[in-house]
Amino acid sequence: MNNDDLVEIIGNVSEPGKIIVHLGKMFAAITSLDIKASGNGVGGVEESNASLTVAGENAMGGNTQQMAYGMCSKEGERVDLVTPIPLSIGVKEWLSQLESGMAVTLATLLQQASSSASSLTTIANNTAEDGSVVVDSEKENKFLLTWIDKFPAQIVILSSQVAWTFNIEEALKSSAGGVNSSGGNSTLSTVLSILESKLKLLSASVLH
């Protein structure tokens, strides 16, 4: 962000729509906000920064208070904020609240995703004679795809890595904790088979 950007922000402290165009230079992956007028419910997710600017200018009339309800990326992904942010306060204050609100929102979503991710192991609960995991439940496959659609891509990737690490650690503990070595290897093979089954399902859904 250069000096001209800062001057424009300072000169438009009462017009959030003109400040939003600079969000991409302040926060990675955020290009706009879902702004709604709390007084009459006017507003919503805008298609571009330009339209957000127009909405910001038009909604300032009267006693209507603007609120930021979500964050939007340039790819079109939208994430609802846990706590809406009032934009009628000082620009420094609402930008600071946006920064902290972003962290709280992502942490909350990560906790929710990680909690429900434990149920994903049921996607592969049938074992063939060779020890491989057999995916034969349409309901469980649908659960995985629904889970992915429910959370932002960043949260899906991170919670998947958390679940993978936890499962691998548990498998290694079983292998080194006095359980016979074949049992430990079987546990580790099961974790790998579950991952393979998920990847096959995801690749099939993309191709279709």
C-alpha atoms as a PDB file:
ATOM      1  CA  MET A   1       0.000   0.000   0.000  1.00  0.00           C
ATOM      2  CA  ASN A   2       1.490   3.325  -1.067  1.00  0.00           C
ATOM      3  CA  ASN A   3       0.983   6.872   0.191  1.00  0.00           C
ATOM      4  CA  ASP A   4      -1.752   7.612  -2.340  1.00  0.00           C
ATOM      5  CA  ASP A   5      -3.771   4.672  -0.999  1.00  0.00           C
ATOM      6  CA  LEU A   6      -3.386   5.910   2.568  1.00  0.00           C
ATOM      7  CA  VAL A   7      -4.432   9.439   1.589  1.00  0.00           C
ATOM      8  CA  GLU A   8      -7.543   8.113  -0.156  1.00  0.00           C
ATOM      9  CA  ILE A   9      -8.468   6.005   2.873  1.00  0.00           C
ATOM     10  CA  ILE A  10      -8.027   8.920   5.256  1.00  0.00           C
ATOM     11  CA  GLY A  11      -9.989  11.202   2.940  1.00  0.00           C
ATOM     12  CA  ASN A  12     -12.939   8.813   2.766  1.00  0.00           C
ATOM     13  CA  VAL A  13     -13.289   7.693   6.363  1.00  0.00           C
ATOM     14  CA  SER A  14     -17.077   8.050   6.183  1.00  0.00           C
ATOM     15  CA  GLU A  15     -17.416   6.092   2.930  1.00  0.00           C
ATOM     16  CA  PRO A  16     -16.559   2.418   3.487  1.00  0.00           C
ATOM     17  CA  GLY A  17     -17.281   1.639  -0.152  1.00  0.00           C
ATOM     18  CA  LYS A  18     -14.256   3.659  -1.242  1.00  0.00           C
ATOM     19  CA  ILE A  19     -12.036   1.976   1.346  1.00  0.00           C
ATOM     20  CA  ILE A  20     -13.044  -1.543   0.369  1.00  0.00           C
ATOM     21  CA  VAL A  21     -11.194  -1.273  -2.944  1.00  0.00           C
ATOM     22  CA  HIS A  22      -7.952  -1.233  -0.929  1.00  0.00           C
ATOM     23  CA  LEU A  23      -8.691  -4.335   1.156  1.00  0.00           C
ATOM     24  CA  GLY A  24      -6.691  -6.567  -1.170  1.00  0.00           C
ATOM     25  CA  LYS A  25      -3.567  -4.591  -0.296  1.00  0.00           C
ATOM     26  CA  MET A  26      -4.186  -4.899   3.442  1.00  0.00           C
ATOM     27  CA  PHE A  27      -5.450  -8.472   3.807  1.00  0.00           C
ATOM     28  CA  ALA A  28      -4.438 -11.487   1.782  1.00  0.00           C
ATOM     29  CA  ALA A  29      -7.251 -13.114  -0.220  1.00  0.00           C
ATOM     30  CA  ILE A  30      -9.921 -10.537   0.732  1.00  0.00           C
ATOM     31  CA  THR A  31     -11.106  -8.265  -2.051  1.00  0.00           C
ATOM     32  CA  SER A  32     -14.527  -7.147  -0.812  1.00  0.00           C
ATOM     33  CA  LEU A  33     -17.027  -7.313   2.017  1.00  0.00           C
ATOM     34  CA  ASP A  34     -20.662  -8.311   2.253  1.00  0.00           C
ATOM     35  CA  ILE A  35     -22.165  -4.995   3.352  1.00  0.00           C
ATOM     36  CA  LYS A  36     -25.772  -4.624   4.404  1.00  0.00           C
ATOM     37  CA  ALA A  37     -27.682  -1.698   5.826  1.00  0.00           C
ATOM     38  CA  SER A  38     -28.898  -2.681   9.272  1.00  0.00           C
ATOM     39  CA  GLY A  39     -31.800  -0.248   9.158  1.00  0.00           C
ATOM     40  CA  ASN A  40     -33.730  -1.547   6.136  1.00  0.00           C
ATOM     41  CA  GLY A  41     -31.898  -4.710   5.143  1.00  0.00           C
ATOM     42  CA  VAL A  42     -30.736  -3.244   1.838  1.00  0.00           C
ATOM     43  CA  GLY A  43     -27.563  -4.649   0.405  1.00  0.00           C
ATOM     44  CA  GLY A  44     -25.874  -8.007   0.099  1.00  0.00           C
ATOM     45  CA  VAL A  45     -22.936  -9.594  -1.621  1.00  0.00           C
ATOM     46  CA  GLU A  46     -21.813  -7.384  -4.458  1.00  0.00           C
ATOM     47  CA  GLU A  47     -20.336  -8.585  -7.712  1.00  0.00           C
ATOM     48  CA  SER A  48     -17.372  -6.228  -7.747  1.00  0.00           C
ATOM     49  CA  ASN A  49     -15.519  -3.608  -5.797  1.00  0.00           C
ATOM     50  CA  ALA A  50     -17.085  -0.958  -7.997  1.00  0.00           C
ATOM     51  CA  SER A  51     -20.609  -2.008  -7.087  1.00  0.00           C
ATOM     52  CA  LEU A  52     -19.627  -2.155  -3.437  1.00  0.00           C
ATOM     53  CA  THR A  53     -18.422   1.420  -3.707  1.00  0.00           C
ATOM     54  CA  VAL A  54     -21.760   2.513  -5.147  1.00  0.00           C
ATOM     55  CA  ALA A  55     -23.619   0.638  -2.428  1.00  0.00           C
ATOM     56  CA  GLY A  56     -21.452   2.291   0.174  1.00  0.00           C
ATOM     57  CA  GLU A  57     -22.204   5.754  -1.139  1.00  0.00           C
ATOM     58  CA  ASN A  58     -25.950   5.257  -1.545  1.00  0.00           C
ATOM     59  CA  ALA A  59     -26.521   3.592   1.801  1.00  0.00           C
ATOM     60  CA  MET A  60     -24.974   6.335   3.885  1.00  0.00           C
ATOM     61  CA  GLY A  61     -28.014   8.554   3.713  1.00  0.00           C
ATOM     62  CA  GLY A  62     -30.359   8.934   6.678  1.00  0.00           C
ATOM     63  CA  ASN A  63     -29.784   7.023   9.892  1.00  0.00           C
ATOM     64  CA  THR A  64     -29.032   3.703   8.238  1.00  0.00           C
ATOM     65  CA  GLN A  65     -26.017   1.962   9.690  1.00  0.00           C
ATOM     66  CA  GLN A  66     -23.814  -0.156   7.465  1.00  0.00           C
ATOM     67  CA  MET A  67     -22.608  -3.517   8.729  1.00  0.00           C
ATOM     68  CA  ALA A  68     -20.055  -5.933   7.297  1.00  0.00           C
ATOM     69  CA  TYR A  69     -21.465  -9.463   7.536  1.00  0.00           C
ATOM     70  CA  GLY A  70     -18.931 -11.432   5.518  1.00  0.00           C
ATOM     71  CA  MET A  71     -15.648 -11.509   3.625  1.00  0.00           C
ATOM     72  CA  CYS A  72     -15.334 -12.230  -0.104  1.00  0.00           C
ATOM     73  CA  SER A  73     -12.338 -13.410  -2.108  1.00  0.00           C
ATOM     74  CA  LYS A  74     -11.523 -12.659  -5.736  1.00  0.00           C
ATOM     75  CA  GLU A  75     -12.505 -16.247  -6.570  1.00  0.00           C
ATOM     76  CA  GLY A  76     -16.016 -15.538  -5.292  1.00  0.00           C
ATOM     77  CA  GLU A  77     -15.758 -17.491  -2.046  1.00  0.00           C
ATOM     78  CA  ARG A  78     -17.735 -15.897   0.777  1.00  0.00           C
ATOM     79  CA  VAL A  79     -17.176 -16.416   4.511  1.00  0.00           C
ATOM     80  CA  ASP A  80     -19.648 -15.104   7.073  1.00  0.00           C
ATOM     81  CA  LEU A  81     -18.117 -13.259  10.001  1.00  0.00           C
ATOM     82  CA  VAL A  82     -18.935 -14.661  13.435  1.00  0.00           C
ATOM     83  CA  THR A  83     -19.710 -11.136  14.614  1.00  0.00           C
ATOM     84  CA  PRO A  84     -20.848  -8.452  12.121  1.00  0.00           C
ATOM     85  CA  ILE A  85     -18.712  -5.321  12.100  1.00  0.00           C
ATOM     86  CA  PRO A  86     -20.248  -1.824  12.192  1.00  0.00           C
ATOM     87  CA  LEU A  87     -18.728   0.451   9.564  1.00  0.00           C
ATOM     88  CA  SER A  88     -20.050   3.667  11.086  1.00  0.00           C
ATOM     89  CA  ILE A  89     -17.190   3.756  13.582  1.00  0.00           C
ATOM     90  CA  GLY A  90     -13.763   5.141  12.677  1.00  0.00           C
ATOM     91  CA  VAL A  91     -11.989   3.506   9.737  1.00  0.00           C
ATOM     92  CA  LYS A  92      -9.061   2.508  11.959  1.00  0.00           C
ATOM     93  CA  GLU A  93     -11.437   0.858  14.410  1.00  0.00           C
ATOM     94  CA  TRP A  94     -13.447  -1.154  11.893  1.00  0.00           C
ATOM     95  CA  LEU A  95     -10.342  -2.269  10.002  1.00  0.00           C
ATOM     96  CA  SER A  96      -8.891  -3.447  13.314  1.00  0.00           C
ATOM     97  CA  GLN A  97     -12.133  -5.261  14.112  1.00  0.00           C
ATOM     98  CA  LEU A  98     -12.075  -6.825  10.653  1.00  0.00           C
ATOM     99  CA  GLU A  99      -8.574  -8.159  11.255  1.00  0.00           C
ATOM    100  CA  SER A 100      -9.465  -9.689  14.620  1.00  0.00           C
ATOM    101  CA  GLY A 101     -12.878 -10.822  13.369  1.00  0.00           C
ATOM    102  CA  MET A 102     -11.214 -12.637  10.504  1.00  0.00           C
ATOM    103  CA  ALA A 103      -8.990 -14.569  12.913  1.00  0.00           C
ATOM    104  CA  VAL A 104     -11.879 -15.423  15.252  1.00  0.00           C
ATOM    105  CA  THR A 105     -14.066 -16.533  12.339  1.00  0.00           C
ATOM    106  CA  LEU A 106     -11.413 -18.819  10.840  1.00  0.00           C
ATOM    107  CA  ALA A 107     -10.561 -20.283  14.262  1.00  0.00           C
ATOM    108  CA  THR A 108     -14.244 -20.991  14.926  1.00  0.00           C
ATOM    109  CA  LEU A 109     -14.698 -22.627  11.525  1.00  0.00           C
ATOM    110  CA  LEU A 110     -11.544 -24.699  12.019  1.00  0.00           C
ATOM    111  CA  GLN A 111     -12.845 -25.989  15.345  1.00  0.00           C
ATOM    112  CA  GLN A 112     -16.192 -26.899  13.783  1.00  0.00           C
ATOM    113  CA  ALA A 113     -14.571 -28.548  10.770  1.00  0.00           C
ATOM    114  CA  SER A 114     -12.101 -30.524  12.893  1.00  0.00           C
ATOM    115  CA  SER A 115     -14.878 -31.737  15.194  1.00  0.00           C
ATOM    116  CA  SER A 116     -16.983 -32.989  12.309  1.00  0.00           C
ATOM    117  CA  ALA A 117     -13.947 -34.344  10.449  1.00  0.00           C
ATOM    118  CA  SER A 118     -13.714 -37.193  12.949  1.00  0.00           C
ATOM    119  CA  SER A 119     -16.905 -38.558  11.406  1.00  0.00           C
ATOM    120  CA  LEU A 120     -15.191 -38.781   8.033  1.00  0.00           C
ATOM    121  CA  THR A 121     -13.395 -41.959   9.051  1.00  0.00           C
ATOM    122  CA  THR A 122     -16.723 -43.736   8.676  1.00  0.00           C
ATOM    123  CA  ILE A 123     -16.475 -43.171   4.959  1.00  0.00           C
ATOM    124  CA  ALA A 124     -14.267 -46.237   4.862  1.00  0.00           C
ATOM    125  CA  ASN A 125     -15.329 -48.688   7.519  1.00  0.00           C
ATOM    126  CA  ASN A 126     -15.390 -51.843   5.410  1.00  0.00           C
ATOM    127  CA  THR A 127     -12.215 -53.844   4.945  1.00  0.00           C
ATOM    128  CA  ALA A 128     -11.584 -56.309   2.151  1.00  0.00           C
ATOM    129  CA  GLU A 129      -9.672 -59.567   2.552  1.00  0.00           C
ATOM    130  CA  ASP A 130      -6.429 -57.954   1.422  1.00  0.00           C
ATOM    131  CA  GLY A 131      -6.767 -55.300   4.120  1.00  0.00           C
ATOM    132  CA  SER A 132      -7.766 -52.506   1.748  1.00  0.00           C
ATOM    133  CA  VAL A 133     -10.700 -50.271   2.565  1.00  0.00           C
ATOM    134  CA  VAL A 134     -13.852 -50.643   0.536  1.00  0.00           C
ATOM    135  CA  VAL A 135     -16.067 -47.616   0.004  1.00  0.00           C
ATOM    136  CA  ASP A 136     -19.592 -48.788  -0.614  1.00  0.00           C
ATOM    137  CA  SER A 137     -21.796 -46.317   1.227  1.00  0.00           C
ATOM    138  CA  GLU A 138     -23.402 -43.598  -0.841  1.00  0.00           C
ATOM    139  CA  LYS A 139     -24.516 -41.838   2.340  1.00  0.00           C
ATOM    140  CA  GLU A 140     -20.983 -41.655   3.698  1.00  0.00           C
ATOM    141  CA  ASN A 141     -19.605 -40.424   0.365  1.00  0.00           C
ATOM    142  CA  LYS A 142     -22.246 -37.710   0.309  1.00  0.00           C
ATOM    143  CA  PHE A 143     -21.258 -36.728   3.859  1.00  0.00           C
ATOM    144  CA  LEU A 144     -17.678 -36.070   2.765  1.00  0.00           C
ATOM    145  CA  LEU A 145     -18.713 -33.935  -0.194  1.00  0.00           C
ATOM    146  CA  THR A 146     -21.234 -32.042   1.958  1.00  0.00           C
ATOM    147  CA  TRP A 147     -18.543 -31.418   4.569  1.00  0.00           C
ATOM    148  CA  ILE A 148     -16.218 -29.996   1.919  1.00  0.00           C
ATOM    149  CA  ASP A 149     -18.925 -27.690   0.557  1.00  0.00           C
ATOM    150  CA  LYS A 150     -19.820 -26.481   4.050  1.00  0.00           C
ATOM    151  CA  PHE A 151     -16.448 -24.919   4.906  1.00  0.00           C
ATOM    152  CA  PRO A 152     -14.036 -22.540   3.128  1.00  0.00           C
ATOM    153  CA  ALA A 153     -11.270 -24.206   1.100  1.00  0.00           C
ATOM    154  CA  GLN A 154      -8.558 -23.032   3.514  1.00  0.00           C
ATOM    155  CA  ILE A 155     -10.382 -24.594   6.462  1.00  0.00           C
ATOM    156  CA  VAL A 156     -11.044 -27.855   4.594  1.00  0.00           C
ATOM    157  CA  ILE A 157      -7.361 -28.255   3.753  1.00  0.00           C
ATOM    158  CA  LEU A 158      -6.149 -27.359   7.239  1.00  0.00           C
ATOM    159  CA  SER A 159      -8.646 -29.553   9.114  1.00  0.00           C
ATOM    160  CA  SER A 160      -7.871 -32.440   6.744  1.00  0.00           C
ATOM    161  CA  GLN A 161      -4.177 -32.071   7.573  1.00  0.00           C
ATOM    162  CA  VAL A 162      -5.004 -32.011  11.294  1.00  0.00           C
ATOM    163  CA  ALA A 163      -7.093 -35.182  10.994  1.00  0.00           C
ATOM    164  CA  TRP A 164      -4.405 -36.889   8.904  1.00  0.00           C
ATOM    165  CA  THR A 165      -1.668 -36.027  11.410  1.00  0.00           C
ATOM    166  CA  PHE A 166      -3.784 -37.216  14.340  1.00  0.00           C
ATOM    167  CA  ASN A 167      -4.607 -40.524  12.657  1.00  0.00           C
ATOM    168  CA  ILE A 168      -0.987 -41.161  11.688  1.00  0.00           C
ATOM    169  CA  GLU A 169       0.213 -40.385  15.233  1.00  0.00           C
ATOM    170  CA  GLU A 170      -2.353 -42.780  16.687  1.00  0.00           C
ATOM    171  CA  ALA A 171      -1.332 -45.497  14.229  1.00  0.00           C
ATOM    172  CA  LEU A 172       2.361 -45.058  15.066  1.00  0.00           C
ATOM    173  CA  LYS A 173       1.601 -45.140  18.799  1.00  0.00           C
ATOM    174  CA  SER A 174      -0.285 -48.402  18.331  1.00  0.00           C
ATOM    175  CA  SER A 175       2.657 -49.822  16.428  1.00  0.00           C
ATOM    176  CA  ALA A 176       5.186 -48.847  19.118  1.00  0.00           C
ATOM    177  CA  GLY A 177       3.046 -49.353  22.203  1.00  0.00           C
ATOM    178  CA  GLY A 178       3.378 -53.048  22.792  1.00  0.00           C
ATOM    179  CA  VAL A 179       0.772 -54.058  20.256  1.00  0.00           C
ATOM    180  CA  ASN A 180       2.147 -56.690  17.889  1.00  0.00           C
ATOM    181  CA  SER A 181       3.872 -55.222  14.876  1.00  0.00           C
ATOM    182  CA  SER A 182       1.392 -56.694  12.422  1.00  0.00           C
ATOM    183  CA  GLY A 183      -1.439 -54.969  14.285  1.00  0.00           C
ATOM    184  CA  GLY A 184       0.388 -51.655  14.120  1.00  0.00           C
ATOM    185  CA  ASN A 185       1.064 -52.038  10.429  1.00  0.00           C
ATOM    186  CA  SER A 186      -2.565 -52.943   9.889  1.00  0.00           C
ATOM    187  CA  THR A 187      -3.663 -49.751  11.642  1.00  0.00           C
ATOM    188  CA  LEU A 188      -1.316 -47.637   9.534  1.00  0.00           C
ATOM    189  CA  SER A 189      -2.481 -49.382   6.365  1.00  0.00           C
ATOM    190  CA  THR A 190      -6.068 -48.624   7.314  1.00  0.00           C
ATOM    191  CA  VAL A 191      -5.306 -44.904   7.652  1.00  0.00           C
ATOM    192  CA  LEU A 192      -3.587 -44.884   4.264  1.00  0.00           C
ATOM    193  CA  SER A 193      -6.452 -46.818   2.689  1.00  0.00           C
ATOM    194  CA  ILE A 194      -8.974 -44.317   4.072  1.00  0.00           C
ATOM    195  CA  LEU A 195      -6.972 -41.475   2.532  1.00  0.00           C
ATOM    196  CA  GLU A 196      -6.771 -43.294  -0.790  1.00  0.00           C
ATOM    197  CA  SER A 197     -10.515 -43.905  -0.821  1.00  0.00           C
ATOM    198  CA  LYS A 198     -11.186 -40.211  -0.160  1.00  0.00           C
ATOM    199  CA  LEU A 199      -8.853 -39.141  -2.962  1.00  0.00           C
ATOM    200  CA  LYS A 200     -10.544 -41.530  -5.371  1.00  0.00           C
ATOM    201  CA  LEU A 201     -13.944 -40.154  -4.417  1.00  0.00           C
ATOM    202  CA  LEU A 202     -12.809 -36.541  -4.844  1.00  0.00           C
ATOM    203  CA  SER A 203     -11.126 -37.224  -8.192  1.00  0.00           C
ATOM    204  CA  ALA A 204     -14.265 -38.991  -9.418  1.00  0.00           C
ATOM    205  CA  SER A 205     -16.467 -36.062  -8.348  1.00  0.00           C
ATOM    206  CA  VAL A 206     -14.207 -33.587 -10.151  1.00  0.00           C
ATOM    207  CA  LEU A 207     -14.168 -35.628 -13.349  1.00  0.00           C
ATOM    208  CA  HIS A 208     -17.948 -35.900 -13.321  1.00  0.00           C
END
